[in-house]
Amino acid sequence: MEKILAALQERQKPIAKLSKNSKLFKTIINTIKEKKGESIVVLDLRKIHEAVADYFILCDARSHIQVKAIADNIIDEVDTECDEKPYHKEYGEKWTLVDYVNVVVHIFQGEQRQFYSLESLWADAARTEY
């Protein structure tokens, strides 16, 4: 957890705003769905000045194997489709983060998502469920 928070705080949020119609955003959502990620939620952080990204994308996985599979698939597909590599990635069995600066993807096992409750920490963000 400390590594993830430190990595997010070390970098600066870019000025350019990303939209949900961007190729990067759509590729990430579709890739999560391909690997059967559950409870996909997007937090739109663009109107929150202190936010470290434009969007947080959160999803659940049923096992540590699925957490890794979703993360690896995101990295591979975004590289192939968008020619982008993550700024940072932090693998964990219960929570993995893939950071594309404007979009930060959080892949959780259910209990970790409830424990860290990012949705409530960013309650001011507009929320979209997929």
N, C-alpha and C. Protein backbone atom coordinates (compact mmCIF):
# COMPACT_ATOMS: atom_id res chain seq x y z
N MET A 1 0.82 -1.19 0.00
CA MET A 1 0.00 0.00 0.00
C MET A 1 0.87 1.25 0.00
N GLU A 2 1.90 1.29 0.86
CA GLU A 2 2.75 2.48 0.93
C GLU A 2 3.46 2.74 -0.39
N LYS A 3 3.91 1.66 -1.07
CA LYS A 3 4.57 1.81 -2.37
C LYS A 3 3.64 2.44 -3.39
N ILE A 4 2.39 1.99 -3.39
CA ILE A 4 1.41 2.50 -4.35
C ILE A 4 1.16 3.97 -4.10
N LEU A 5 0.91 4.34 -2.86
CA LEU A 5 0.65 5.74 -2.55
C LEU A 5 1.86 6.63 -2.84
N ALA A 6 3.05 6.15 -2.53
CA ALA A 6 4.26 6.93 -2.80
C ALA A 6 4.45 7.15 -4.30
N ALA A 7 4.22 6.12 -5.08
CA ALA A 7 4.37 6.24 -6.54
C ALA A 7 3.40 7.24 -7.12
N LEU A 8 2.17 7.25 -6.63
CA LEU A 8 1.18 8.20 -7.12
C LEU A 8 1.53 9.64 -6.73
N GLN A 9 2.06 9.82 -5.54
CA GLN A 9 2.37 11.17 -5.07
C GLN A 9 3.63 11.74 -5.69
N GLU A 10 4.53 10.89 -6.16
CA GLU A 10 5.80 11.34 -6.73
C GLU A 10 5.65 11.98 -8.10
N ARG A 11 4.62 11.64 -8.80
CA ARG A 11 4.49 12.16 -10.15
C ARG A 11 3.47 13.29 -10.20
N GLN A 12 3.56 14.08 -11.25
CA GLN A 12 2.66 15.20 -11.41
C GLN A 12 1.55 14.85 -12.38
N LYS A 13 0.37 15.33 -12.09
CA LYS A 13 -0.76 15.13 -12.99
C LYS A 13 -0.57 16.00 -14.22
N PRO A 14 -0.72 15.42 -15.41
CA PRO A 14 -0.54 16.21 -16.62
C PRO A 14 -1.67 17.22 -16.81
N ILE A 15 -1.39 18.27 -17.56
CA ILE A 15 -2.38 19.31 -17.82
C ILE A 15 -3.50 18.80 -18.74
N ALA A 16 -3.15 18.03 -19.76
CA ALA A 16 -4.13 17.57 -20.73
C ALA A 16 -5.17 16.68 -20.06
N LYS A 17 -6.41 16.90 -20.42
CA LYS A 17 -7.51 16.10 -19.89
C LYS A 17 -7.85 14.98 -20.87
N LEU A 18 -8.16 13.86 -20.32
CA LEU A 18 -8.51 12.68 -21.10
C LEU A 18 -10.02 12.52 -21.03
N SER A 19 -10.62 11.90 -22.04
CA SER A 19 -12.06 11.66 -22.00
C SER A 19 -12.34 10.16 -22.00
N LYS A 20 -13.57 9.82 -21.65
CA LYS A 20 -13.98 8.41 -21.66
C LYS A 20 -14.05 7.86 -23.07
N ASN A 21 -13.99 8.72 -24.06
CA ASN A 21 -14.02 8.27 -25.46
C ASN A 21 -12.63 8.02 -26.02
N SER A 22 -11.61 8.25 -25.23
CA SER A 22 -10.24 8.05 -25.72
C SER A 22 -9.97 6.56 -25.94
N LYS A 23 -9.07 6.30 -26.84
CA LYS A 23 -8.70 4.92 -27.16
C LYS A 23 -8.12 4.22 -25.93
N LEU A 24 -7.29 4.92 -25.16
CA LEU A 24 -6.70 4.36 -23.95
C LEU A 24 -7.78 3.91 -22.98
N PHE A 25 -8.71 4.80 -22.70
CA PHE A 25 -9.78 4.51 -21.75
C PHE A 25 -10.60 3.31 -22.20
N LYS A 26 -11.04 3.31 -23.45
CA LYS A 26 -11.86 2.22 -23.98
C LYS A 26 -11.11 0.89 -23.99
N THR A 27 -9.83 0.95 -24.33
CA THR A 27 -9.02 -0.28 -24.35
C THR A 27 -8.93 -0.89 -22.96
N ILE A 28 -8.72 -0.06 -21.95
CA ILE A 28 -8.61 -0.57 -20.58
C ILE A 28 -9.92 -1.22 -20.14
N ILE A 29 -11.04 -0.53 -20.35
CA ILE A 29 -12.34 -1.08 -19.94
C ILE A 29 -12.61 -2.41 -20.66
N ASN A 30 -12.40 -2.44 -21.96
CA ASN A 30 -12.65 -3.67 -22.73
C ASN A 30 -11.74 -4.82 -22.29
N THR A 31 -10.51 -4.49 -21.96
CA THR A 31 -9.56 -5.51 -21.53
C THR A 31 -9.95 -6.11 -20.18
N ILE A 32 -10.43 -5.27 -19.29
CA ILE A 32 -10.90 -5.77 -17.99
C ILE A 32 -12.07 -6.73 -18.20
N LYS A 33 -13.00 -6.33 -19.06
CA LYS A 33 -14.16 -7.18 -19.35
C LYS A 33 -13.74 -8.50 -19.98
N GLU A 34 -12.75 -8.48 -20.87
CA GLU A 34 -12.26 -9.71 -21.52
C GLU A 34 -11.78 -10.73 -20.49
N LYS A 35 -11.15 -10.26 -19.44
CA LYS A 35 -10.61 -11.15 -18.41
C LYS A 35 -11.58 -11.34 -17.24
N LYS A 36 -12.84 -10.97 -17.48
CA LYS A 36 -13.92 -11.21 -16.51
C LYS A 36 -13.76 -10.44 -15.21
N GLY A 37 -13.14 -9.25 -15.29
CA GLY A 37 -13.11 -8.38 -14.11
C GLY A 37 -14.53 -8.00 -13.74
N GLU A 38 -14.78 -7.86 -12.46
CA GLU A 38 -16.13 -7.59 -11.96
C GLU A 38 -16.20 -6.23 -11.29
N SER A 39 -17.42 -5.75 -11.12
CA SER A 39 -17.69 -4.49 -10.41
C SER A 39 -16.78 -3.36 -10.90
N ILE A 40 -16.79 -3.15 -12.20
CA ILE A 40 -15.95 -2.11 -12.80
C ILE A 40 -16.57 -0.75 -12.51
N VAL A 41 -15.79 0.11 -11.88
CA VAL A 41 -16.24 1.46 -11.55
C VAL A 41 -15.18 2.44 -12.01
N VAL A 42 -15.65 3.53 -12.61
CA VAL A 42 -14.75 4.61 -13.02
C VAL A 42 -15.06 5.82 -12.17
N LEU A 43 -14.03 6.36 -11.55
CA LEU A 43 -14.15 7.61 -10.80
C LEU A 43 -13.55 8.72 -11.66
N ASP A 44 -14.36 9.70 -12.01
CA ASP A 44 -13.93 10.83 -12.82
C ASP A 44 -13.40 11.90 -11.88
N LEU A 45 -12.09 12.06 -11.88
CA LEU A 45 -11.42 12.95 -10.94
C LEU A 45 -11.05 14.30 -11.56
N ARG A 46 -11.48 14.55 -12.77
CA ARG A 46 -11.02 15.73 -13.50
C ARG A 46 -11.39 17.05 -12.83
N LYS A 47 -12.46 17.09 -12.06
CA LYS A 47 -12.87 18.34 -11.41
C LYS A 47 -12.32 18.47 -9.99
N ILE A 48 -11.52 17.51 -9.57
CA ILE A 48 -10.94 17.54 -8.23
C ILE A 48 -9.48 17.96 -8.36
N HIS A 49 -9.18 19.15 -7.91
CA HIS A 49 -7.85 19.74 -8.11
C HIS A 49 -6.73 18.88 -7.52
N GLU A 50 -6.95 18.29 -6.37
CA GLU A 50 -5.91 17.53 -5.68
C GLU A 50 -5.70 16.14 -6.26
N ALA A 51 -6.53 15.73 -7.18
CA ALA A 51 -6.46 14.37 -7.72
C ALA A 51 -5.16 14.15 -8.49
N VAL A 52 -4.67 12.94 -8.42
CA VAL A 52 -3.40 12.58 -9.05
C VAL A 52 -3.57 12.08 -10.48
N ALA A 53 -4.81 11.96 -10.94
CA ALA A 53 -5.10 11.47 -12.30
C ALA A 53 -6.45 12.01 -12.72
N ASP A 54 -6.77 11.82 -13.99
CA ASP A 54 -8.10 12.20 -14.47
C ASP A 54 -9.14 11.15 -14.09
N TYR A 55 -8.73 9.88 -14.14
CA TYR A 55 -9.64 8.79 -13.83
C TYR A 55 -8.95 7.73 -13.00
N PHE A 56 -9.71 7.15 -12.08
CA PHE A 56 -9.37 5.89 -11.45
C PHE A 56 -10.34 4.86 -12.02
N ILE A 57 -9.83 3.74 -12.46
CA ILE A 57 -10.67 2.63 -12.88
C ILE A 57 -10.43 1.51 -11.88
N LEU A 58 -11.49 1.05 -11.24
CA LEU A 58 -11.40 0.00 -10.23
C LEU A 58 -12.17 -1.22 -10.69
N CYS A 59 -11.65 -2.39 -10.36
CA CYS A 59 -12.38 -3.62 -10.64
C CYS A 59 -11.99 -4.68 -9.63
N ASP A 60 -12.83 -5.71 -9.56
CA ASP A 60 -12.59 -6.84 -8.68
C ASP A 60 -12.14 -8.05 -9.49
N ALA A 61 -11.33 -8.86 -8.84
CA ALA A 61 -10.93 -10.16 -9.38
C ALA A 61 -11.17 -11.19 -8.28
N ARG A 62 -11.40 -12.41 -8.68
CA ARG A 62 -11.74 -13.46 -7.70
C ARG A 62 -10.52 -14.12 -7.06
N SER A 63 -9.35 -13.97 -7.67
CA SER A 63 -8.15 -14.62 -7.14
C SER A 63 -6.92 -13.80 -7.51
N HIS A 64 -5.79 -14.13 -6.88
CA HIS A 64 -4.55 -13.43 -7.22
C HIS A 64 -4.13 -13.74 -8.66
N ILE A 65 -4.50 -14.91 -9.14
CA ILE A 65 -4.18 -15.26 -10.53
C ILE A 65 -4.95 -14.36 -11.49
N GLN A 66 -6.21 -14.11 -11.19
CA GLN A 66 -7.00 -13.24 -12.04
C GLN A 66 -6.54 -11.78 -11.93
N VAL A 67 -6.13 -11.35 -10.75
CA VAL A 67 -5.58 -9.99 -10.59
C VAL A 67 -4.41 -9.80 -11.56
N LYS A 68 -3.49 -10.75 -11.55
CA LYS A 68 -2.32 -10.66 -12.42
C LYS A 68 -2.71 -10.75 -13.90
N ALA A 69 -3.64 -11.64 -14.22
CA ALA A 69 -4.07 -11.80 -15.61
C ALA A 69 -4.69 -10.52 -16.16
N ILE A 70 -5.52 -9.86 -15.36
CA ILE A 70 -6.13 -8.61 -15.79
C ILE A 70 -5.05 -7.55 -16.01
N ALA A 71 -4.15 -7.40 -15.05
CA ALA A 71 -3.08 -6.39 -15.16
C ALA A 71 -2.20 -6.66 -16.38
N ASP A 72 -1.77 -7.89 -16.54
CA ASP A 72 -0.91 -8.23 -17.68
C ASP A 72 -1.62 -7.98 -19.01
N ASN A 73 -2.91 -8.31 -19.06
CA ASN A 73 -3.66 -8.11 -20.29
C ASN A 73 -3.83 -6.62 -20.60
N ILE A 74 -4.06 -5.81 -19.58
CA ILE A 74 -4.15 -4.36 -19.78
C ILE A 74 -2.84 -3.85 -20.37
N ILE A 75 -1.74 -4.22 -19.76
CA ILE A 75 -0.42 -3.75 -20.21
C ILE A 75 -0.17 -4.17 -21.66
N ASP A 76 -0.46 -5.42 -21.99
CA ASP A 76 -0.23 -5.92 -23.35
C ASP A 76 -1.14 -5.23 -24.36
N GLU A 77 -2.43 -5.14 -24.07
CA GLU A 77 -3.38 -4.57 -25.01
C GLU A 77 -3.18 -3.07 -25.22
N VAL A 78 -2.90 -2.35 -24.14
CA VAL A 78 -2.66 -0.90 -24.28
C VAL A 78 -1.39 -0.66 -25.09
N ASP A 79 -0.39 -1.49 -24.89
CA ASP A 79 0.84 -1.36 -25.68
C ASP A 79 0.53 -1.63 -27.16
N THR A 80 -0.23 -2.67 -27.44
CA THR A 80 -0.56 -3.04 -28.82
C THR A 80 -1.49 -2.02 -29.48
N GLU A 81 -2.57 -1.67 -28.79
CA GLU A 81 -3.61 -0.82 -29.38
C GLU A 81 -3.29 0.67 -29.34
N CYS A 82 -2.61 1.11 -28.29
CA CYS A 82 -2.40 2.55 -28.08
C CYS A 82 -0.93 2.96 -28.11
N ASP A 83 -0.05 1.98 -28.20
CA ASP A 83 1.39 2.24 -28.20
C ASP A 83 1.83 3.02 -26.96
N GLU A 84 1.25 2.63 -25.82
CA GLU A 84 1.61 3.26 -24.54
C GLU A 84 2.04 2.20 -23.54
N LYS A 85 3.03 2.54 -22.78
CA LYS A 85 3.50 1.69 -21.70
C LYS A 85 3.12 2.37 -20.39
N PRO A 86 2.89 1.60 -19.34
CA PRO A 86 2.53 2.24 -18.07
C PRO A 86 3.68 3.07 -17.50
N TYR A 87 3.31 4.16 -16.87
CA TYR A 87 4.29 4.98 -16.16
C TYR A 87 4.84 4.20 -14.97
N HIS A 88 3.95 3.46 -14.32
CA HIS A 88 4.32 2.67 -13.14
C HIS A 88 3.35 1.50 -13.02
N LYS A 89 3.84 0.39 -12.51
CA LYS A 89 2.97 -0.73 -12.17
C LYS A 89 3.45 -1.30 -10.85
N GLU A 90 2.51 -1.71 -10.05
CA GLU A 90 2.82 -2.26 -8.73
C GLU A 90 2.00 -3.52 -8.55
N TYR A 91 2.66 -4.68 -8.66
CA TYR A 91 1.97 -5.95 -8.55
C TYR A 91 1.82 -6.38 -7.10
N GLY A 92 0.65 -6.85 -6.77
CA GLY A 92 0.38 -7.45 -5.48
C GLY A 92 -0.65 -8.55 -5.69
N GLU A 93 -0.71 -9.49 -4.79
CA GLU A 93 -1.67 -10.58 -4.95
C GLU A 93 -3.10 -10.12 -4.74
N LYS A 94 -3.30 -9.12 -3.89
CA LYS A 94 -4.65 -8.69 -3.56
C LYS A 94 -5.00 -7.32 -4.13
N TRP A 95 -3.98 -6.58 -4.57
CA TRP A 95 -4.22 -5.26 -5.16
C TRP A 95 -3.07 -4.96 -6.09
N THR A 96 -3.38 -4.75 -7.35
CA THR A 96 -2.37 -4.38 -8.33
C THR A 96 -2.78 -3.07 -8.96
N LEU A 97 -1.79 -2.22 -9.21
CA LEU A 97 -2.01 -0.90 -9.79
C LEU A 97 -1.26 -0.81 -11.10
N VAL A 98 -1.93 -0.26 -12.12
CA VAL A 98 -1.30 0.03 -13.40
C VAL A 98 -1.58 1.50 -13.68
N ASP A 99 -0.52 2.28 -13.78
CA ASP A 99 -0.61 3.74 -13.84
C ASP A 99 -0.23 4.25 -15.23
N TYR A 100 -1.20 4.86 -15.89
CA TYR A 100 -0.94 5.50 -17.19
C TYR A 100 -1.00 7.03 -17.06
N VAL A 101 -0.69 7.55 -15.92
CA VAL A 101 -0.65 8.96 -15.55
C VAL A 101 -2.06 9.57 -15.52
N ASN A 102 -2.73 9.68 -16.66
CA ASN A 102 -4.10 10.23 -16.66
C ASN A 102 -5.12 9.22 -16.16
N VAL A 103 -4.81 7.95 -16.33
CA VAL A 103 -5.70 6.87 -15.91
C VAL A 103 -4.91 5.92 -15.02
N VAL A 104 -5.44 5.67 -13.84
CA VAL A 104 -4.81 4.72 -12.92
C VAL A 104 -5.80 3.59 -12.69
N VAL A 105 -5.35 2.38 -12.97
CA VAL A 105 -6.20 1.20 -12.84
C VAL A 105 -5.85 0.47 -11.54
N HIS A 106 -6.89 0.17 -10.77
CA HIS A 106 -6.74 -0.56 -9.51
C HIS A 106 -7.49 -1.88 -9.65
N ILE A 107 -6.78 -2.99 -9.51
CA ILE A 107 -7.38 -4.32 -9.63
C ILE A 107 -7.29 -4.96 -8.25
N PHE A 108 -8.44 -5.22 -7.67
CA PHE A 108 -8.51 -5.70 -6.29
C PHE A 108 -9.12 -7.09 -6.21
N GLN A 109 -8.74 -7.82 -5.16
CA GLN A 109 -9.59 -8.88 -4.66
C GLN A 109 -10.58 -8.16 -3.75
N GLY A 110 -11.81 -8.67 -3.69
CA GLY A 110 -12.92 -7.99 -3.02
C GLY A 110 -12.64 -7.43 -1.64
N GLU A 111 -12.02 -8.21 -0.78
CA GLU A 111 -11.80 -7.76 0.60
C GLU A 111 -10.87 -6.55 0.66
N GLN A 112 -9.89 -6.48 -0.21
CA GLN A 112 -8.97 -5.35 -0.25
C GLN A 112 -9.67 -4.09 -0.73
N ARG A 113 -10.52 -4.24 -1.70
CA ARG A 113 -11.27 -3.08 -2.22
C ARG A 113 -12.14 -2.49 -1.13
N GLN A 114 -12.80 -3.34 -0.38
CA GLN A 114 -13.64 -2.86 0.72
C GLN A 114 -12.80 -2.22 1.81
N PHE A 115 -11.66 -2.81 2.12
CA PHE A 115 -10.81 -2.29 3.19
C PHE A 115 -10.28 -0.89 2.87
N TYR A 116 -9.74 -0.71 1.65
CA TYR A 116 -9.15 0.59 1.29
C TYR A 116 -10.19 1.59 0.82
N SER A 117 -11.32 1.15 0.37
CA SER A 117 -12.49 1.98 0.06
C SER A 117 -12.15 3.26 -0.71
N LEU A 118 -11.48 3.09 -1.85
CA LEU A 118 -11.11 4.26 -2.66
C LEU A 118 -12.33 5.04 -3.12
N GLU A 119 -13.43 4.35 -3.36
CA GLU A 119 -14.65 5.05 -3.76
C GLU A 119 -15.09 6.06 -2.71
N SER A 120 -14.96 5.72 -1.44
CA SER A 120 -15.37 6.67 -0.41
C SER A 120 -14.32 7.76 -0.19
N LEU A 121 -13.04 7.44 -0.42
CA LEU A 121 -12.00 8.46 -0.31
C LEU A 121 -12.17 9.55 -1.38
N TRP A 122 -12.67 9.16 -2.54
CA TRP A 122 -12.89 10.08 -3.65
C TRP A 122 -14.40 10.24 -3.89
N ALA A 123 -15.16 10.42 -2.83
CA ALA A 123 -16.62 10.49 -2.90
C ALA A 123 -17.10 11.67 -3.73
N ASP A 124 -16.28 12.70 -3.89
CA ASP A 124 -16.66 13.87 -4.70
C ASP A 124 -16.59 13.59 -6.20
N ALA A 125 -15.97 12.51 -6.58
CA ALA A 125 -15.80 12.18 -7.99
C ALA A 125 -17.10 11.63 -8.58
N ALA A 126 -17.33 11.97 -9.84
CA ALA A 126 -18.45 11.36 -10.56
C ALA A 126 -18.14 9.89 -10.74
N ARG A 127 -19.14 9.06 -10.58
CA ARG A 127 -18.95 7.61 -10.60
C ARG A 127 -19.76 6.98 -11.74
N THR A 128 -19.11 6.10 -12.50
CA THR A 128 -19.78 5.37 -13.57
C THR A 128 -19.50 3.89 -13.37
N GLU A 129 -20.54 3.08 -13.44
CA GLU A 129 -20.37 1.63 -13.32
C GLU A 129 -20.48 0.99 -14.70
N TYR A 130 -19.64 -0.01 -14.95
CA TYR A 130 -19.66 -0.73 -16.21
C TYR A 130 -20.02 -2.18 -15.98
